[in-house]
Amino acid sequence: MYPIMTPTQMIDLSMKTGMMLVEAQMVIGMRMMGMAGFWRVLPSENARMSSEKVSAVSASAFATSRAIMSGKSPALIAEAALRPVARTTKSNVKRLARRGPGKP
């Protein structure tokens, strides 16, 4: 039987979750500025923000299921669930930041 989480795993997961949340807020801000015309975004950005959530949640559910079925510890299961969402937010920040402020 695994311990639920060691203090090190708890801190690591908290840091990764916090980073994902900060990046998600950055993405939201850049997209909102894009809708207002202050950030250069592609016309497809509005459709993308809906479709990517479905794929990130699906990937997260699949990774979580795979970790559970493999008998991973709760800490590793939580990390597996977070990884696809964090990967999506990180790539969105990079992509949107490259476009920068200004008119499309």
C-alpha atoms as a PDB file:
ATOM      1  CA  MET A   1       0.000   0.000   0.000  1.00  0.00           C
ATOM      2  CA  TYR A   2       1.361   3.404  -0.992  1.00  0.00           C
ATOM      3  CA  PRO A   3       1.269   6.410   1.313  1.00  0.00           C
ATOM      4  CA  ILE A   4      -1.133   8.975  -0.099  1.00  0.00           C
ATOM      5  CA  MET A   5       1.630  11.539  -0.727  1.00  0.00           C
ATOM      6  CA  THR A   6       5.009  12.353   0.678  1.00  0.00           C
ATOM      7  CA  PRO A   7       5.678  16.003   1.535  1.00  0.00           C
ATOM      8  CA  THR A   8       8.028  16.252  -1.447  1.00  0.00           C
ATOM      9  CA  GLN A   9       5.387  14.909  -3.829  1.00  0.00           C
ATOM     10  CA  MET A  10       2.819  17.263  -2.336  1.00  0.00           C
ATOM     11  CA  ILE A  11       5.048  20.302  -2.889  1.00  0.00           C
ATOM     12  CA  ASP A  12       5.952  19.163  -6.420  1.00  0.00           C
ATOM     13  CA  LEU A  13       2.322  18.639  -7.399  1.00  0.00           C
ATOM     14  CA  SER A  14       1.341  21.967  -5.832  1.00  0.00           C
ATOM     15  CA  MET A  15       4.044  23.799  -7.789  1.00  0.00           C
ATOM     16  CA  LYS A  16       3.054  22.143 -11.063  1.00  0.00           C
ATOM     17  CA  THR A  17      -0.613  22.894 -10.441  1.00  0.00           C
ATOM     18  CA  GLY A  18       0.177  26.496  -9.554  1.00  0.00           C
ATOM     19  CA  MET A  19       2.233  26.944 -12.705  1.00  0.00           C
ATOM     20  CA  MET A  20      -0.554  25.500 -14.831  1.00  0.00           C
ATOM     21  CA  LEU A  21      -3.049  27.893 -13.193  1.00  0.00           C
ATOM     22  CA  VAL A  22      -0.808  30.919 -13.805  1.00  0.00           C
ATOM     23  CA  GLU A  23      -0.343  29.908 -17.445  1.00  0.00           C
ATOM     24  CA  ALA A  24      -4.096  29.383 -17.842  1.00  0.00           C
ATOM     25  CA  GLN A  25      -4.733  32.931 -16.586  1.00  0.00           C
ATOM     26  CA  MET A  26      -2.144  34.263 -19.023  1.00  0.00           C
ATOM     27  CA  VAL A  27      -3.886  32.453 -21.891  1.00  0.00           C
ATOM     28  CA  ILE A  28      -7.271  33.804 -20.808  1.00  0.00           C
ATOM     29  CA  GLY A  29      -5.866  37.325 -20.661  1.00  0.00           C
ATOM     30  CA  MET A  30      -4.230  37.148 -24.091  1.00  0.00           C
ATOM     31  CA  ARG A  31      -7.360  35.687 -25.654  1.00  0.00           C
ATOM     32  CA  MET A  32      -9.571  38.344 -24.104  1.00  0.00           C
ATOM     33  CA  MET A  33      -7.222  41.055 -25.355  1.00  0.00           C
ATOM     34  CA  GLY A  34      -7.398  39.348 -28.753  1.00  0.00           C
ATOM     35  CA  MET A  35     -11.195  39.526 -28.722  1.00  0.00           C
ATOM     36  CA  ALA A  36     -10.928  43.233 -27.878  1.00  0.00           C
ATOM     37  CA  GLY A  37      -8.457  43.804 -30.729  1.00  0.00           C
ATOM     38  CA  PHE A  38      -5.420  44.518 -28.545  1.00  0.00           C
ATOM     39  CA  TRP A  39      -3.602  41.198 -29.134  1.00  0.00           C
ATOM     40  CA  ARG A  40      -2.882  39.556 -32.480  1.00  0.00           C
ATOM     41  CA  VAL A  41      -4.794  36.278 -32.606  1.00  0.00           C
ATOM     42  CA  LEU A  42      -5.945  34.191 -35.522  1.00  0.00           C
ATOM     43  CA  PRO A  43      -9.643  34.169 -36.408  1.00  0.00           C
ATOM     44  CA  SER A  44      -9.701  30.482 -35.482  1.00  0.00           C
ATOM     45  CA  GLU A  45      -8.742  31.220 -31.850  1.00  0.00           C
ATOM     46  CA  ASN A  46     -12.331  31.245 -30.546  1.00  0.00           C
ATOM     47  CA  ALA A  47     -13.052  27.797 -31.972  1.00  0.00           C
ATOM     48  CA  ARG A  48      -9.668  26.548 -30.806  1.00  0.00           C
ATOM     49  CA  MET A  49     -10.277  27.491 -27.188  1.00  0.00           C
ATOM     50  CA  SER A  50     -13.324  25.239 -27.072  1.00  0.00           C
ATOM     51  CA  SER A  51     -11.950  22.272 -28.983  1.00  0.00           C
ATOM     52  CA  GLU A  52      -8.649  22.128 -27.120  1.00  0.00           C
ATOM     53  CA  LYS A  53     -10.441  21.799 -23.783  1.00  0.00           C
ATOM     54  CA  VAL A  54     -12.206  18.652 -24.973  1.00  0.00           C
ATOM     55  CA  SER A  55      -8.960  17.078 -26.167  1.00  0.00           C
ATOM     56  CA  ALA A  56      -7.041  18.074 -23.002  1.00  0.00           C
ATOM     57  CA  VAL A  57      -9.750  16.654 -20.724  1.00  0.00           C
ATOM     58  CA  SER A  58      -9.913  13.468 -22.788  1.00  0.00           C
ATOM     59  CA  ALA A  59      -6.138  13.059 -22.630  1.00  0.00           C
ATOM     60  CA  SER A  60      -6.219  13.730 -18.901  1.00  0.00           C
ATOM     61  CA  ALA A  61      -8.946  11.135 -18.333  1.00  0.00           C
ATOM     62  CA  PHE A  62      -7.053   8.576 -20.407  1.00  0.00           C
ATOM     63  CA  ALA A  63      -3.774   9.237 -18.571  1.00  0.00           C
ATOM     64  CA  THR A  64      -5.557   9.033 -15.212  1.00  0.00           C
ATOM     65  CA  SER A  65      -7.203   5.750 -16.122  1.00  0.00           C
ATOM     66  CA  ARG A  66      -3.925   4.324 -17.366  1.00  0.00           C
ATOM     67  CA  ALA A  67      -2.163   5.339 -14.131  1.00  0.00           C
ATOM     68  CA  ILE A  68      -4.913   3.821 -11.991  1.00  0.00           C
ATOM     69  CA  MET A  69      -4.923   0.576 -13.965  1.00  0.00           C
ATOM     70  CA  SER A  70      -1.123   0.410 -13.657  1.00  0.00           C
ATOM     71  CA  GLY A  71      -1.427   0.571  -9.869  1.00  0.00           C
ATOM     72  CA  LYS A  72       0.352   3.912  -9.530  1.00  0.00           C
ATOM     73  CA  SER A  73       0.363   5.816  -6.253  1.00  0.00           C
ATOM     74  CA  PRO A  74      -2.218   8.582  -5.720  1.00  0.00           C
ATOM     75  CA  ALA A  75       0.492  11.213  -6.211  1.00  0.00           C
ATOM     76  CA  LEU A  76       1.486   9.772  -9.594  1.00  0.00           C
ATOM     77  CA  ILE A  77      -2.156   9.464 -10.613  1.00  0.00           C
ATOM     78  CA  ALA A  78      -2.717  13.150  -9.824  1.00  0.00           C
ATOM     79  CA  GLU A  79       0.394  14.105 -11.762  1.00  0.00           C
ATOM     80  CA  ALA A  80      -0.735  12.018 -14.747  1.00  0.00           C
ATOM     81  CA  ALA A  81      -4.085  13.814 -14.677  1.00  0.00           C
ATOM     82  CA  LEU A  82      -2.435  17.232 -14.595  1.00  0.00           C
ATOM     83  CA  ARG A  83       0.199  16.641 -17.288  1.00  0.00           C
ATOM     84  CA  PRO A  84      -2.011  16.916 -20.456  1.00  0.00           C
ATOM     85  CA  VAL A  85      -3.740  20.062 -19.213  1.00  0.00           C
ATOM     86  CA  ALA A  86      -0.441  21.664 -18.194  1.00  0.00           C
ATOM     87  CA  ARG A  87       1.086  20.784 -21.574  1.00  0.00           C
ATOM     88  CA  THR A  88      -1.829  22.513 -23.333  1.00  0.00           C
ATOM     89  CA  THR A  89      -1.631  25.685 -21.236  1.00  0.00           C
ATOM     90  CA  LYS A  90       2.148  25.883 -21.659  1.00  0.00           C
ATOM     91  CA  SER A  91       1.948  25.553 -25.445  1.00  0.00           C
ATOM     92  CA  ASN A  92      -0.853  28.137 -25.600  1.00  0.00           C
ATOM     93  CA  VAL A  93       1.190  30.670 -23.631  1.00  0.00           C
ATOM     94  CA  LYS A  94       4.155  30.218 -25.975  1.00  0.00           C
ATOM     95  CA  ARG A  95       2.014  30.398 -29.107  1.00  0.00           C
ATOM     96  CA  LEU A  96      -0.045  33.412 -28.048  1.00  0.00           C
ATOM     97  CA  ALA A  97       2.923  35.323 -26.587  1.00  0.00           C
ATOM     98  CA  ARG A  98       4.763  35.044 -29.926  1.00  0.00           C
ATOM     99  CA  ARG A  99       1.913  36.845 -31.662  1.00  0.00           C
ATOM    100  CA  GLY A 100       2.115  39.791 -29.280  1.00  0.00           C
ATOM    101  CA  PRO A 101       0.030  42.913 -28.847  1.00  0.00           C
ATOM    102  CA  GLY A 102      -1.298  44.933 -31.752  1.00  0.00           C
ATOM    103  CA  LYS A 103      -3.671  44.530 -34.629  1.00  0.00           C
ATOM    104  CA  PRO A 104      -3.993  41.103 -36.344  1.00  0.00           C
END
